[in-house]
N, C-alpha and C. Protein backbone atom coordinates (compact mmCIF):
# COMPACT_ATOMS: atom_id res chain seq x y z
N MET A 1 -0.18 -18.52 22.96
CA MET A 1 -1.37 -19.23 22.66
C MET A 1 -2.55 -17.83 22.63
N PRO A 2 -3.47 -18.22 21.73
CA PRO A 2 -4.49 -16.41 21.88
C PRO A 2 -5.11 -16.08 23.00
N ILE A 3 -5.18 -15.39 23.90
CA ILE A 3 -5.65 -14.80 25.03
C ILE A 3 -7.56 -14.69 24.44
N HIS A 4 -8.18 -15.08 25.83
CA HIS A 4 -9.37 -15.14 25.98
C HIS A 4 -9.51 -13.69 25.75
N LEU A 5 -10.51 -13.14 24.77
CA LEU A 5 -11.02 -12.03 24.31
C LEU A 5 -12.28 -11.45 25.37
N SER A 6 -12.37 -10.67 25.84
CA SER A 6 -13.58 -9.52 25.83
C SER A 6 -14.35 -9.41 25.31
N HIS A 7 -15.59 -9.48 25.81
CA HIS A 7 -16.59 -9.03 24.59
C HIS A 7 -16.49 -7.38 23.65
N PHE A 8 -16.22 -6.68 24.11
CA PHE A 8 -15.49 -5.16 23.64
C PHE A 8 -14.57 -5.84 22.59
N THR A 9 -13.44 -6.51 23.11
CA THR A 9 -12.28 -6.55 22.01
C THR A 9 -12.85 -7.86 20.57
N ALA A 10 -13.54 -8.62 21.47
CA ALA A 10 -14.78 -9.53 20.18
C ALA A 10 -15.25 -8.73 19.47
N VAL A 11 -16.10 -7.48 19.64
CA VAL A 11 -16.76 -6.76 18.49
C VAL A 11 -15.84 -6.05 17.45
N LEU A 12 -15.05 -5.48 18.19
CA LEU A 12 -13.99 -4.71 17.68
C LEU A 12 -13.65 -5.65 16.55
N MET A 13 -12.98 -6.74 17.00
CA MET A 13 -12.47 -7.31 15.88
C MET A 13 -12.92 -8.00 14.36
N ASP A 14 -14.60 -8.08 14.72
CA ASP A 14 -15.27 -8.71 14.01
C ASP A 14 -16.15 -7.41 12.97
N GLU A 15 -17.19 -7.69 14.22
CA GLU A 15 -18.15 -6.79 13.80
C GLU A 15 -18.03 -5.25 13.50
N VAL A 16 -16.72 -4.46 14.22
CA VAL A 16 -16.73 -3.34 13.38
C VAL A 16 -15.66 -3.31 11.90
N GLN A 17 -14.56 -4.74 12.67
CA GLN A 17 -14.28 -4.43 11.08
C GLN A 17 -14.81 -4.69 10.03
N ILE A 18 -16.15 -5.56 10.09
CA ILE A 18 -17.10 -5.76 8.83
C ILE A 18 -17.32 -3.95 8.20
N ALA A 19 -17.87 -3.66 9.05
CA ALA A 19 -18.89 -2.76 9.04
C ALA A 19 -17.84 -1.24 8.58
N ALA A 20 -16.78 -1.08 8.95
CA ALA A 20 -15.47 -0.03 8.49
C ALA A 20 -15.22 -1.12 6.80
N LEU A 21 -14.99 -1.89 7.12
CA LEU A 21 -14.93 -2.53 5.46
C LEU A 21 -16.12 -2.18 4.45
N LEU A 22 -16.71 -2.47 4.60
CA LEU A 22 -18.56 -2.14 4.33
C LEU A 22 -18.16 -0.94 3.75
N PHE A 23 -18.03 0.64 4.45
CA PHE A 23 -18.14 1.45 4.42
C PHE A 23 -17.08 2.06 3.49
N MET A 24 -15.87 1.29 3.76
CA MET A 24 -14.89 1.71 2.46
C MET A 24 -15.30 1.19 0.95
N ALA A 25 -15.42 -0.39 1.17
CA ALA A 25 -16.16 -0.82 0.11
C ALA A 25 -17.01 0.06 -1.26
N VAL A 26 -17.70 0.55 -0.27
CA VAL A 26 -19.06 1.82 -0.66
C VAL A 26 -18.32 3.23 -1.41
N VAL A 27 -17.83 3.23 -0.52
CA VAL A 27 -17.12 4.14 -0.81
C VAL A 27 -16.07 4.22 -2.51
N TYR A 28 -15.34 3.27 -2.04
CA TYR A 28 -14.88 2.83 -3.56
C TYR A 28 -15.30 2.39 -4.41
N ALA A 29 -16.53 1.63 -4.17
CA ALA A 29 -17.25 1.74 -5.28
C ALA A 29 -17.51 3.01 -5.94
N LEU A 30 -18.04 3.85 -5.51
CA LEU A 30 -18.33 4.95 -5.87
C LEU A 30 -17.20 5.71 -6.31
N LYS A 31 -15.94 5.82 -5.78
CA LYS A 31 -14.56 6.53 -6.93
C LYS A 31 -14.75 5.84 -7.82
N ILE A 32 -14.83 4.57 -7.97
CA ILE A 32 -14.34 3.73 -9.26
C ILE A 32 -15.44 4.13 -10.45
N ARG A 33 -16.57 4.02 -10.09
CA ARG A 33 -17.90 4.66 -10.95
C ARG A 33 -17.55 6.32 -11.60
N TRP A 34 -17.39 6.31 -10.75
CA TRP A 34 -16.89 8.40 -11.31
C TRP A 34 -15.33 8.27 -12.29
N VAL A 35 -14.35 7.05 -11.82
CA VAL A 35 -13.44 7.27 -12.96
C VAL A 35 -13.87 6.94 -13.92
N LEU A 36 -14.62 5.69 -13.87
CA LEU A 36 -15.17 5.24 -15.09
C LEU A 36 -16.38 5.86 -16.20
N SER A 37 -16.99 6.62 -15.63
CA SER A 37 -17.93 7.77 -16.22
C SER A 37 -16.53 9.01 -17.51
N TYR A 38 -15.71 9.05 -17.00
CA TYR A 38 -14.63 9.58 -17.92
C TYR A 38 -14.42 8.37 -19.61
N LYS A 39 -15.03 9.50 -20.62
CA LYS A 39 -14.86 8.41 -21.55
C LYS A 39 -13.22 8.14 -22.01
N ALA A 40 -12.38 7.66 -22.06
CA ALA A 40 -11.00 7.43 -22.69
C ALA A 40 -10.68 7.75 -23.91
N GLY A 41 -9.82 8.64 -24.08
CA GLY A 41 -9.26 9.66 -25.45
C GLY A 41 -9.32 8.40 -25.93
N LYS A 42 -9.69 8.54 -27.50
CA LYS A 42 -9.42 7.62 -28.60
C LYS A 42 -7.73 7.94 -29.74
N GLU A 43 -7.16 7.07 -29.68
CA GLU A 43 -5.57 7.04 -30.59
C GLU A 43 -6.45 7.18 -32.39
N ARG A 44 -6.01 8.25 -32.77
CA ARG A 44 -6.14 9.02 -34.26
C ARG A 44 -4.63 8.67 -34.98
N THR A 45 -3.78 8.09 -34.57
CA THR A 45 -2.60 7.97 -35.20
C THR A 45 -2.47 6.46 -34.91
N PRO A 46 -1.44 5.89 -36.67
CA PRO A 46 -1.28 4.32 -36.67
C PRO A 46 -0.47 3.83 -35.73
N SER A 47 -1.03 2.72 -34.99
CA SER A 47 -0.43 2.09 -34.10
C SER A 47 1.32 1.85 -34.01
N ARG A 48 2.13 2.01 -33.82
CA ARG A 48 3.27 1.74 -33.85
C ARG A 48 4.55 0.70 -33.09
N GLY A 49 3.80 0.37 -31.98
CA GLY A 49 4.45 -0.48 -31.06
C GLY A 49 3.15 -1.32 -30.62
N ASP A 50 3.56 -2.48 -29.40
CA ASP A 50 3.37 -3.59 -29.21
C ASP A 50 2.36 -2.97 -27.93
N THR A 51 0.84 -2.51 -28.15
CA THR A 51 0.44 -2.29 -27.07
C THR A 51 -0.18 -2.79 -25.81
N GLY A 52 -0.58 -4.51 -25.88
CA GLY A 52 -0.42 -5.18 -25.44
C GLY A 52 0.81 -5.25 -24.23
N LYS A 53 1.88 -5.42 -24.88
CA LYS A 53 2.91 -5.57 -24.46
C LYS A 53 3.21 -4.50 -22.98
N ALA A 54 3.28 -3.61 -23.74
CA ALA A 54 3.13 -1.60 -22.89
C ALA A 54 2.35 -1.94 -22.19
N ILE A 55 1.47 -2.47 -21.75
CA ILE A 55 0.45 -2.83 -20.73
C ILE A 55 1.16 -3.01 -19.60
N ARG A 56 1.40 -4.48 -19.74
CA ARG A 56 2.14 -5.29 -19.16
C ARG A 56 3.52 -5.06 -18.61
N TYR A 57 4.11 -3.99 -19.40
CA TYR A 57 4.99 -3.36 -18.41
C TYR A 57 4.70 -2.30 -17.91
N ALA A 58 4.00 -1.81 -18.42
CA ALA A 58 3.61 -0.42 -16.98
C ALA A 58 2.96 -0.87 -16.27
N TYR A 59 2.24 -2.15 -16.11
CA TYR A 59 2.15 -2.89 -14.48
C TYR A 59 3.19 -3.72 -13.82
N THR A 60 4.24 -4.02 -14.18
CA THR A 60 5.49 -4.66 -13.64
C THR A 60 6.81 -3.46 -13.20
N THR A 61 6.86 -2.12 -13.58
CA THR A 61 7.92 -1.67 -13.67
C THR A 61 8.05 -1.16 -12.12
N VAL A 62 6.85 -1.54 -11.06
CA VAL A 62 7.20 -0.75 -10.16
C VAL A 62 8.11 -1.95 -9.55
N ALA A 63 8.12 -3.61 -10.10
CA ALA A 63 9.10 -4.49 -9.21
C ALA A 63 10.54 -4.93 -10.37
N MET A 64 10.32 -3.55 -11.14
CA MET A 64 11.64 -3.89 -11.96
C MET A 64 12.70 -2.52 -11.89
N PRO A 65 13.15 -2.42 -10.53
CA PRO A 65 14.04 -1.03 -10.37
C PRO A 65 14.83 -0.53 -11.28
N TRP A 66 15.66 -1.62 -11.59
CA TRP A 66 16.66 -1.27 -12.78
C TRP A 66 16.19 -0.68 -14.16
N GLU A 67 14.94 -0.52 -14.14
CA GLU A 67 14.00 0.39 -15.79
C GLU A 67 13.74 1.57 -15.33
N LEU A 68 13.86 2.03 -14.19
CA LEU A 68 13.37 3.57 -14.05
C LEU A 68 14.64 4.03 -13.31
N PRO A 69 15.06 5.19 -14.15
CA PRO A 69 16.54 6.05 -13.67
C PRO A 69 16.33 6.62 -12.05
N SER A 70 14.71 6.79 -11.55
CA SER A 70 14.85 7.10 -10.48
C SER A 70 15.26 5.98 -9.01
N THR A 71 15.15 5.04 -9.57
CA THR A 71 15.12 3.82 -8.83
C THR A 71 16.46 3.14 -8.46
N ARG A 72 17.10 3.34 -10.39
CA ARG A 72 18.58 3.19 -10.06
C ARG A 72 19.58 3.24 -9.31
N LYS A 73 18.95 5.25 -9.47
CA LYS A 73 20.24 5.56 -8.86
C LYS A 73 20.08 5.96 -6.90
N HIS A 74 18.80 5.68 -6.79
CA HIS A 74 18.09 5.22 -5.35
C HIS A 74 17.86 3.95 -5.03
N TRP A 75 18.59 3.05 -5.12
CA TRP A 75 18.28 1.61 -4.93
C TRP A 75 17.68 1.86 -3.61
N PHE A 76 18.36 2.54 -2.70
CA PHE A 76 17.68 2.09 -1.27
C PHE A 76 16.44 2.15 -0.82
N ARG A 77 16.26 3.57 -1.56
CA ARG A 77 14.52 4.01 -1.70
C ARG A 77 13.69 3.23 -1.90
N TRP A 78 13.92 2.06 -2.90
CA TRP A 78 12.96 1.16 -3.35
C TRP A 78 12.99 0.25 -2.56
N VAL A 79 14.44 -0.23 -1.49
CA VAL A 79 13.98 -1.08 -1.04
C VAL A 79 12.77 -1.00 -0.01
N GLU A 80 12.95 0.19 0.60
CA GLU A 80 12.49 0.64 1.76
C GLU A 80 10.89 1.20 1.53
N PHE A 81 11.19 1.05 0.34
CA PHE A 81 9.27 1.14 -0.56
C PHE A 81 8.41 0.18 -1.03
N ALA A 82 9.38 -1.08 -1.01
CA ALA A 82 9.16 -2.37 -0.89
C ALA A 82 9.04 -2.65 0.35
N ILE A 83 9.63 -2.81 1.67
CA ILE A 83 9.48 -2.92 2.60
C ILE A 83 8.48 -2.50 3.42
N PHE A 84 8.25 -1.52 3.07
CA PHE A 84 6.72 -0.96 3.83
C PHE A 84 5.81 -1.41 2.94
N HIS A 85 5.83 -1.74 2.21
CA HIS A 85 4.07 -1.89 1.45
C HIS A 85 4.27 -3.41 1.54
N VAL A 86 5.35 -3.99 1.73
CA VAL A 86 4.98 -5.74 2.13
C VAL A 86 4.93 -5.38 3.68
N ALA A 87 5.65 -4.83 4.34
CA ALA A 87 4.33 -4.93 5.74
C ALA A 87 3.16 -4.68 5.94
N VAL A 88 2.88 -3.83 5.14
CA VAL A 88 1.18 -2.80 5.45
C VAL A 88 1.06 -3.81 4.64
N ALA A 89 1.26 -4.34 3.81
CA ALA A 89 -0.23 -6.01 3.09
C ALA A 89 -0.31 -6.84 4.26
N THR A 90 0.71 -7.51 4.37
CA THR A 90 1.46 -8.40 5.85
C THR A 90 -0.04 -7.58 6.49
N ALA A 91 0.22 -6.94 7.00
CA ALA A 91 -0.60 -7.03 8.39
C ALA A 91 -2.02 -6.04 7.78
N ILE A 92 -2.59 -5.85 6.45
CA ILE A 92 -3.97 -6.44 6.40
C ILE A 92 -4.13 -8.10 6.17
N GLY A 93 -3.35 -8.17 5.97
CA GLY A 93 -3.46 -10.02 5.35
C GLY A 93 -3.90 -10.46 7.57
N VAL A 94 -3.05 -9.95 8.48
CA VAL A 94 -3.25 -9.90 9.58
C VAL A 94 -4.64 -10.12 9.91
N THR A 95 -5.60 -8.41 9.67
CA THR A 95 -6.64 -8.59 10.20
C THR A 95 -7.83 -9.33 10.01
N PHE A 96 -7.18 -10.00 8.52
CA PHE A 96 -8.83 -10.72 8.52
C PHE A 96 -8.34 -12.35 8.56
N VAL A 97 -6.87 -12.47 8.80
CA VAL A 97 -7.29 -14.27 9.77
C VAL A 97 -7.09 -13.91 11.05
N MET A 98 -6.92 -13.32 12.16
CA MET A 98 -6.04 -13.50 13.48
C MET A 98 -7.66 -13.31 14.22
N PRO A 99 -8.68 -12.47 13.60
CA PRO A 99 -9.98 -12.50 14.37
C PRO A 99 -10.44 -13.89 14.22
N TYR A 100 -10.49 -14.79 12.80
CA TYR A 100 -11.44 -15.84 12.77
C TYR A 100 -10.32 -17.48 12.77
N TRP A 101 -8.91 -17.08 12.76
CA TRP A 101 -8.33 -18.23 12.37
C TRP A 101 -7.19 -17.89 13.33
N PRO A 102 -7.22 -17.35 14.85
CA PRO A 102 -5.99 -17.12 15.45
C PRO A 102 -4.82 -18.08 15.38
N LYS A 103 -5.15 -19.02 15.97
CA LYS A 103 -3.91 -20.48 16.34
C LYS A 103 -3.23 -20.50 14.75
N ALA A 104 -3.64 -20.15 13.46
CA ALA A 104 -3.68 -20.38 12.29
C ALA A 104 -1.84 -19.28 12.16
N ILE A 105 -1.82 -18.35 13.24
CA ILE A 105 -0.62 -17.20 12.96
C ILE A 105 -0.33 -17.07 14.44
N ALA A 106 -0.37 -18.29 14.89
CA ALA A 106 0.07 -17.96 17.16
C ALA A 106 1.23 -19.13 17.12
N SER A 107 1.96 -20.02 16.21
CA SER A 107 3.34 -20.39 16.24
C SER A 107 4.44 -19.64 16.40
N PRO A 108 4.97 -20.06 17.46
CA PRO A 108 6.63 -18.88 17.45
C PRO A 108 6.75 -18.06 16.04
N PRO A 109 7.83 -19.56 15.27
CA PRO A 109 8.07 -19.30 13.99
C PRO A 109 7.00 -17.90 13.54
N VAL A 110 5.92 -18.27 13.51
CA VAL A 110 4.95 -16.97 12.71
C VAL A 110 5.08 -15.53 13.41
N VAL A 111 5.43 -15.75 14.73
CA VAL A 111 4.89 -15.00 15.47
C VAL A 111 6.37 -13.94 15.00
N SER A 112 7.32 -14.87 15.48
CA SER A 112 8.36 -13.82 15.19
C SER A 112 8.38 -13.31 13.59
N THR A 113 8.36 -14.02 13.32
CA THR A 113 8.18 -13.79 11.59
C THR A 113 7.27 -12.02 11.26
N LEU A 114 6.43 -12.31 11.77
CA LEU A 114 6.12 -11.09 11.51
C LEU A 114 5.60 -10.40 12.19
N GLN A 115 6.32 -9.83 13.37
CA GLN A 115 7.04 -8.77 14.22
C GLN A 115 7.95 -8.42 13.40
N ALA A 116 8.90 -9.43 12.86
CA ALA A 116 10.28 -8.91 12.29
C ALA A 116 9.81 -7.99 10.90
N VAL A 117 8.30 -8.64 10.73
CA VAL A 117 7.81 -7.97 8.96
C VAL A 117 7.39 -6.47 9.30
N PHE A 118 6.88 -6.56 10.83
CA PHE A 118 6.16 -5.32 10.73
C PHE A 118 7.52 -4.23 11.51
N GLY A 119 7.97 -4.71 12.38
CA GLY A 119 8.78 -3.97 12.55
C GLY A 119 9.75 -3.08 11.65
N LEU A 120 10.14 -3.95 10.44
CA LEU A 120 10.92 -3.30 10.00
C LEU A 120 10.18 -2.21 8.86
N GLY A 121 8.55 -2.79 8.74
CA GLY A 121 7.85 -1.38 8.33
C GLY A 121 8.08 -0.50 8.67
N LEU A 122 7.38 -0.59 10.38
CA LEU A 122 7.71 0.62 10.98
C LEU A 122 9.38 1.79 10.72
N LEU A 123 10.28 1.14 10.69
CA LEU A 123 11.67 1.40 10.79
C LEU A 123 11.18 2.23 9.00
N ALA A 124 10.89 1.45 8.29
CA ALA A 124 10.43 1.87 7.00
C ALA A 124 9.61 3.71 6.66
N ALA A 125 8.65 3.23 7.42
CA ALA A 125 7.31 4.53 7.85
C ALA A 125 8.33 5.71 8.50
N LEU A 126 9.46 5.53 9.10
CA LEU A 126 10.07 6.57 10.41
C LEU A 126 11.11 6.94 9.48
N SER A 127 11.44 6.35 8.57
CA SER A 127 12.17 6.37 7.75
C SER A 127 12.17 7.98 6.22
N ARG A 128 10.60 7.19 5.78
CA ARG A 128 9.87 8.05 5.23
C ARG A 128 9.87 9.33 5.49
N LEU A 129 8.89 9.14 6.78
CA LEU A 129 8.35 10.22 7.65
C LEU A 129 9.68 11.36 7.51
N GLY A 130 11.19 10.79 8.22
CA GLY A 130 11.73 11.94 8.31
C GLY A 130 12.33 12.18 7.08
N ARG A 131 12.76 11.92 5.87
CA ARG A 131 13.06 12.14 4.79
C ARG A 131 12.02 13.37 4.37
N ARG A 132 10.91 13.33 4.79
CA ARG A 132 9.82 14.12 3.98
C ARG A 132 9.96 15.63 5.44
N ILE A 133 10.80 15.58 6.00
CA ILE A 133 10.50 16.27 7.20
C ILE A 133 11.91 17.16 7.03
N ALA A 134 13.00 16.43 6.72
CA ALA A 134 14.56 17.28 6.63
C ALA A 134 14.78 18.09 5.49
N ASP A 135 14.49 16.54 4.31
CA ASP A 135 14.70 17.32 3.15
C ASP A 135 13.60 18.15 2.61
N PRO A 136 14.01 19.90 2.46
CA PRO A 136 13.31 20.69 2.05
C PRO A 136 12.53 20.17 0.55
N SER A 137 13.57 19.66 -0.19
CA SER A 137 11.97 19.74 -1.58
C SER A 137 11.30 18.80 -0.96
N MET A 138 11.04 17.39 -0.03
CA MET A 138 10.16 17.02 -0.26
C MET A 138 9.15 17.71 1.28
N ARG A 139 9.59 18.39 2.19
CA ARG A 139 9.00 19.06 2.85
C ARG A 139 7.61 20.23 2.25
N ALA A 140 8.42 20.83 1.09
CA ALA A 140 7.89 21.71 0.12
C ALA A 140 6.39 21.03 -0.42
N ILE A 141 6.53 19.73 -0.93
CA ILE A 141 5.51 18.65 -1.27
C ILE A 141 4.68 18.03 -0.25
N THR A 142 4.98 18.22 0.76
CA THR A 142 4.33 17.52 1.77
C THR A 142 2.66 17.93 2.39
N SER A 143 1.94 17.23 2.39
CA SER A 143 0.44 18.03 2.42
C SER A 143 0.63 17.60 3.97
N PRO A 144 -0.54 18.28 4.68
CA PRO A 144 -0.82 17.20 6.77
C PRO A 144 -1.23 16.15 5.99
N ASP A 145 -1.37 15.75 5.41
CA ASP A 145 -2.47 14.70 5.05
C ASP A 145 -1.94 13.14 4.92
N ASP A 146 -0.41 13.93 4.15
CA ASP A 146 0.94 13.19 4.13
C ASP A 146 1.49 12.67 5.06
N ALA A 147 1.50 13.50 5.79
CA ALA A 147 2.44 13.30 7.65
C ALA A 147 1.81 12.58 8.25
N PHE A 148 0.69 13.04 8.38
CA PHE A 148 -0.35 12.04 9.39
C PHE A 148 -0.89 10.49 8.68
N SER A 149 -0.73 10.56 7.36
CA SER A 149 -0.86 9.08 7.34
C SER A 149 0.30 8.47 7.71
N LEU A 150 1.60 9.04 7.51
CA LEU A 150 2.82 8.19 7.88
C LEU A 150 2.63 7.72 9.34
N ILE A 151 2.98 8.74 9.80
CA ILE A 151 2.40 9.02 11.38
C ILE A 151 1.68 7.85 11.89
N MET A 152 0.33 7.71 11.39
CA MET A 152 -0.75 6.86 11.68
C MET A 152 -0.63 5.34 11.95
N LEU A 153 0.45 5.40 10.03
CA LEU A 153 0.94 3.91 9.80
C LEU A 153 1.89 3.75 10.81
N ALA A 154 2.98 4.08 10.83
CA ALA A 154 3.96 3.48 11.66
C ALA A 154 3.29 3.15 12.66
N CYS A 155 2.48 4.41 13.83
CA CYS A 155 1.61 3.34 14.83
C CYS A 155 1.01 2.23 15.05
N TRP A 156 -0.05 1.99 13.09
CA TRP A 156 -0.47 1.26 12.71
C TRP A 156 0.60 -0.25 13.13
N LEU A 157 1.77 0.00 12.28
CA LEU A 157 2.64 -1.14 12.22
C LEU A 157 3.59 -1.48 13.75
N GLY A 158 3.17 -0.87 14.38
CA GLY A 158 4.40 -0.75 15.69
C GLY A 158 2.67 -1.86 16.72
N ALA A 159 1.36 -1.02 16.80
CA ALA A 159 1.18 -1.80 17.89
C ALA A 159 0.67 -3.24 16.61
N GLY A 160 1.37 -3.09 15.83
CA GLY A 160 1.23 -4.62 15.44
C GLY A 160 1.93 -5.72 15.65
N VAL A 161 3.13 -5.13 16.04
CA VAL A 161 4.33 -5.37 16.21
C VAL A 161 4.23 -6.28 18.20
N LEU A 162 3.87 -5.18 18.52
CA LEU A 162 2.86 -5.51 20.00
C LEU A 162 1.71 -7.19 19.89
N ALA A 163 0.62 -6.78 18.84
CA ALA A 163 -0.51 -7.52 18.58
C ALA A 163 0.35 -9.30 18.44
N ALA A 164 0.82 -9.36 17.42
CA ALA A 164 1.45 -10.35 16.69
C ALA A 164 0.82 -11.57 17.41
N PRO A 165 1.50 -11.40 19.25
CA PRO A 165 1.36 -12.50 19.50
C PRO A 165 0.59 -12.88 20.31
N GLN A 166 -0.72 -11.82 20.01
CA GLN A 166 -2.13 -11.96 20.76
C GLN A 166 -2.40 -12.51 22.43
N THR A 167 -1.58 -11.92 22.87
CA THR A 167 -0.88 -12.33 23.93
C THR A 167 -1.77 -10.95 25.10
N SER A 168 -1.63 -9.63 24.68
CA SER A 168 -1.75 -8.92 24.97
C SER A 168 -3.32 -7.95 24.26
N GLU A 169 -4.38 -7.53 25.54
CA GLU A 169 -5.67 -7.05 25.43
C GLU A 169 -5.41 -5.91 24.39
N PRO A 170 -4.57 -5.35 25.55
CA PRO A 170 -4.66 -3.71 25.37
C PRO A 170 -3.81 -3.44 23.54
N ALA A 171 -2.79 -4.46 23.19
CA ALA A 171 -2.25 -4.44 21.55
C ALA A 171 -3.45 -5.02 20.56
N LEU A 172 -4.03 -5.18 21.01
CA LEU A 172 -5.15 -6.12 19.86
C LEU A 172 -6.22 -4.62 19.84
N ILE A 173 -6.51 -4.20 20.89
CA ILE A 173 -7.50 -3.63 20.95
C ILE A 173 -6.39 -2.10 19.66
N ALA A 174 -5.57 -1.50 20.09
CA ALA A 174 -4.87 -0.71 19.35
C ALA A 174 -4.81 -0.87 18.11
N PHE A 175 -3.98 -2.33 17.76
CA PHE A 175 -3.98 -2.98 16.57
C PHE A 175 -5.64 -2.82 15.65
N PHE A 176 -6.14 -3.23 16.09
CA PHE A 176 -7.52 -3.19 15.08
C PHE A 176 -8.50 -2.16 15.62
N GLY A 177 -8.06 -0.96 16.72
CA GLY A 177 -9.27 0.35 16.68
C GLY A 177 -8.36 0.91 15.39
N LEU A 178 -6.92 0.84 15.25
CA LEU A 178 -6.13 1.27 13.92
C LEU A 178 -6.44 1.20 12.38
N THR A 179 -6.71 -0.20 12.89
CA THR A 179 -7.59 -0.77 11.63
C THR A 179 -8.51 -0.05 11.05
N ALA A 180 -9.92 -0.38 11.94
CA ALA A 180 -10.85 0.53 11.75
C ALA A 180 -10.74 1.77 11.14
N PHE A 181 -9.78 2.58 12.36
CA PHE A 181 -9.87 3.92 11.54
C PHE A 181 -9.25 4.15 10.04
N PHE A 182 -8.17 3.42 9.56
CA PHE A 182 -7.83 3.18 8.24
C PHE A 182 -8.53 2.84 7.24
N LEU A 183 -9.61 2.31 7.83
CA LEU A 183 -10.69 1.40 6.83
C LEU A 183 -11.55 3.03 6.45
N VAL A 184 -11.96 2.95 7.16
CA VAL A 184 -12.65 5.04 7.74
C VAL A 184 -12.00 5.79 7.03
N TYR A 185 -11.38 5.86 6.91
CA TYR A 185 -10.24 7.67 6.90
C TYR A 185 -9.47 7.69 5.20
N VAL A 186 -9.04 6.00 4.84
CA VAL A 186 -8.24 5.80 3.87
C VAL A 186 -8.75 6.01 2.72
N PRO A 187 -9.97 6.36 2.31
CA PRO A 187 -10.97 6.15 0.64
C PRO A 187 -11.15 8.14 0.54
N PHE A 188 -10.77 8.60 1.98
CA PHE A 188 -10.95 10.21 1.58
C PHE A 188 -8.93 10.80 1.86
N SER A 189 -8.37 9.82 2.33
CA SER A 189 -6.78 10.50 2.37
C SER A 189 -5.63 9.64 0.74
N LYS A 190 -4.69 10.25 0.99
CA LYS A 190 -3.85 10.33 -0.35
C LYS A 190 -3.43 9.17 -0.49
N ILE A 191 -3.84 7.67 0.95
CA ILE A 191 -3.43 6.71 0.55
C ILE A 191 -4.20 5.62 -0.56
N SER A 192 -5.48 6.59 -1.14
CA SER A 192 -6.38 5.77 -1.61
C SER A 192 -5.12 5.84 -3.10
N HIS A 193 -4.66 6.49 -3.33
CA HIS A 193 -3.88 6.74 -4.94
C HIS A 193 -4.10 5.30 -5.35
N TYR A 194 -4.02 4.29 -4.14
CA TYR A 194 -3.81 2.68 -4.64
C TYR A 194 -5.11 2.33 -5.66
N ILE A 195 -6.00 2.82 -5.54
CA ILE A 195 -7.25 2.96 -5.86
C ILE A 195 -7.26 2.71 -7.94
N TYR A 196 -6.56 4.02 -7.74
CA TYR A 196 -6.91 4.97 -9.15
C TYR A 196 -5.00 4.22 -9.85
N TRP A 197 -4.33 3.47 -9.61
CA TRP A 197 -2.90 3.39 -10.00
C TRP A 197 -3.23 2.43 -10.39
N PRO A 198 -4.54 0.74 -10.88
CA PRO A 198 -4.28 0.04 -11.81
C PRO A 198 -4.77 1.28 -13.36
N PHE A 199 -5.50 1.89 -12.80
CA PHE A 199 -6.17 2.51 -13.85
C PHE A 199 -5.11 3.69 -14.65
N ILE A 200 -3.91 4.18 -14.03
CA ILE A 200 -3.46 5.05 -14.60
C ILE A 200 -2.07 4.20 -15.27
N ARG A 201 -1.87 3.08 -14.71
CA ARG A 201 -0.58 2.07 -15.70
C ARG A 201 -1.24 1.58 -16.40
N TYR A 202 -2.86 1.33 -16.67
CA TYR A 202 -3.30 0.84 -17.86
C TYR A 202 -2.98 2.04 -18.98
N TYR A 203 -3.66 3.07 -18.58
CA TYR A 203 -3.80 4.06 -20.02
C TYR A 203 -1.75 4.74 -20.17
N ILE A 204 -1.39 4.70 -19.26
CA ILE A 204 0.45 4.81 -19.43
C ILE A 204 0.59 3.87 -20.94
N GLY A 205 0.53 2.82 -20.49
CA GLY A 205 0.80 1.51 -21.40
C GLY A 205 0.46 1.23 -22.48
N LYS A 206 -0.95 1.34 -22.52
CA LYS A 206 -2.16 1.76 -24.17
C LYS A 206 -1.69 2.84 -24.53
N HIS A 207 -1.16 4.59 -24.49
CA HIS A 207 -0.95 5.05 -24.71
C HIS A 207 0.06 5.14 -25.44
N LEU A 208 1.24 5.40 -24.56
CA LEU A 208 2.83 5.32 -25.49
C LEU A 208 3.23 4.61 -26.03
N GLY A 209 2.14 3.05 -25.97
CA GLY A 209 2.19 1.46 -26.45
C GLY A 209 2.18 1.85 -27.19
N HIS A 210 0.76 2.61 -28.20
CA HIS A 210 0.12 2.79 -29.19
C HIS A 210 1.55 3.73 -29.81
N ARG A 211 2.01 4.49 -29.09
CA ARG A 211 2.61 5.72 -29.94
C ARG A 211 4.56 4.99 -30.19
N GLY A 212 4.63 3.86 -29.78
CA GLY A 212 5.56 3.30 -29.89
C GLY A 212 6.62 3.27 -28.98
N VAL A 213 6.95 4.19 -28.17
CA VAL A 213 8.01 4.86 -27.06
C VAL A 213 7.77 4.21 -25.51
N TYR A 214 6.96 3.09 -25.77
CA TYR A 214 6.84 2.38 -24.27
C TYR A 214 6.55 1.16 -24.79
N PRO A 215 7.60 0.25 -24.42
CA PRO A 215 8.98 0.26 -23.14
C PRO A 215 9.83 1.39 -24.12
N ALA A 216 10.53 1.88 -23.38
CA ALA A 216 11.65 2.38 -23.65
C ALA A 216 13.05 1.39 -24.37
N LYS A 217 12.88 1.89 -25.45
CA LYS A 217 13.99 1.40 -26.53
C LYS A 217 15.66 1.91 -25.81
N ALA A 218 16.56 0.91 -26.04
CA ALA A 218 18.12 1.16 -25.59
C ALA A 218 18.63 1.98 -27.06
N VAL A 219 18.91 3.79 -26.54
CA VAL A 219 19.29 4.19 -27.89
C VAL A 219 20.63 3.49 -27.64
N PRO A 220 20.99 3.50 -29.00
CA PRO A 220 23.01 2.91 -29.33
C PRO A 220 23.86 4.72 -28.93
N ASN A 221 25.16 4.47 -28.05
CA ASN A 221 25.70 5.70 -28.05
C ASN A 221 26.33 5.98 -29.97
N ARG A 222 26.83 6.47 -29.51
CA ARG A 222 27.06 7.46 -30.87
C ARG A 222 28.49 8.47 -30.77
N ALA A 223 29.66 7.89 -31.20
CA ALA A 223 30.79 8.32 -30.71
C ALA A 223 30.75 10.11 -31.42
């Protein structure tokens, strides 16, 4: 059962989270406004493909690892990518549920599931961080922000494992303290790439679909 929270922890899980979330929303609104201030390039050639189909394909390729050479050859990395992002998305959902409906995620099966998801996400984060350190090519393109973000996300997911049962106030403070930190930090870090992702995928699909080269068509083998 969820423990009785001190006033400090209750404020951290409620008012502090709301203030940090509003701050992030304002920064993201300004970023989206900035993106939309640029005029999209106009197509000056006849349409050679199905633009709508290409846009839909551009959005769904992330869930189709067989469609991209990089994920076909390195399927383990795609699985790692999927686990990591599912864990992060689950942790974000928990930060909205736990402060207001704690009993909804307090049953032992739910707690065990959350801890398993967070634990796997933590392992995926450490794996990604280790590869950036050990692989010279990855190390060359890794910025301090990349490494710091992965370290902090690993700490956040680790705190989530301890906070999921809602029986340790220090664990809840760590989990929601890191949540507030991320809400303020993320808009200024490379993690905010996801705010640009819908725009990028839309224009890739629209532009290459218009040209008729996206989705890629199979080329028959010629002896």
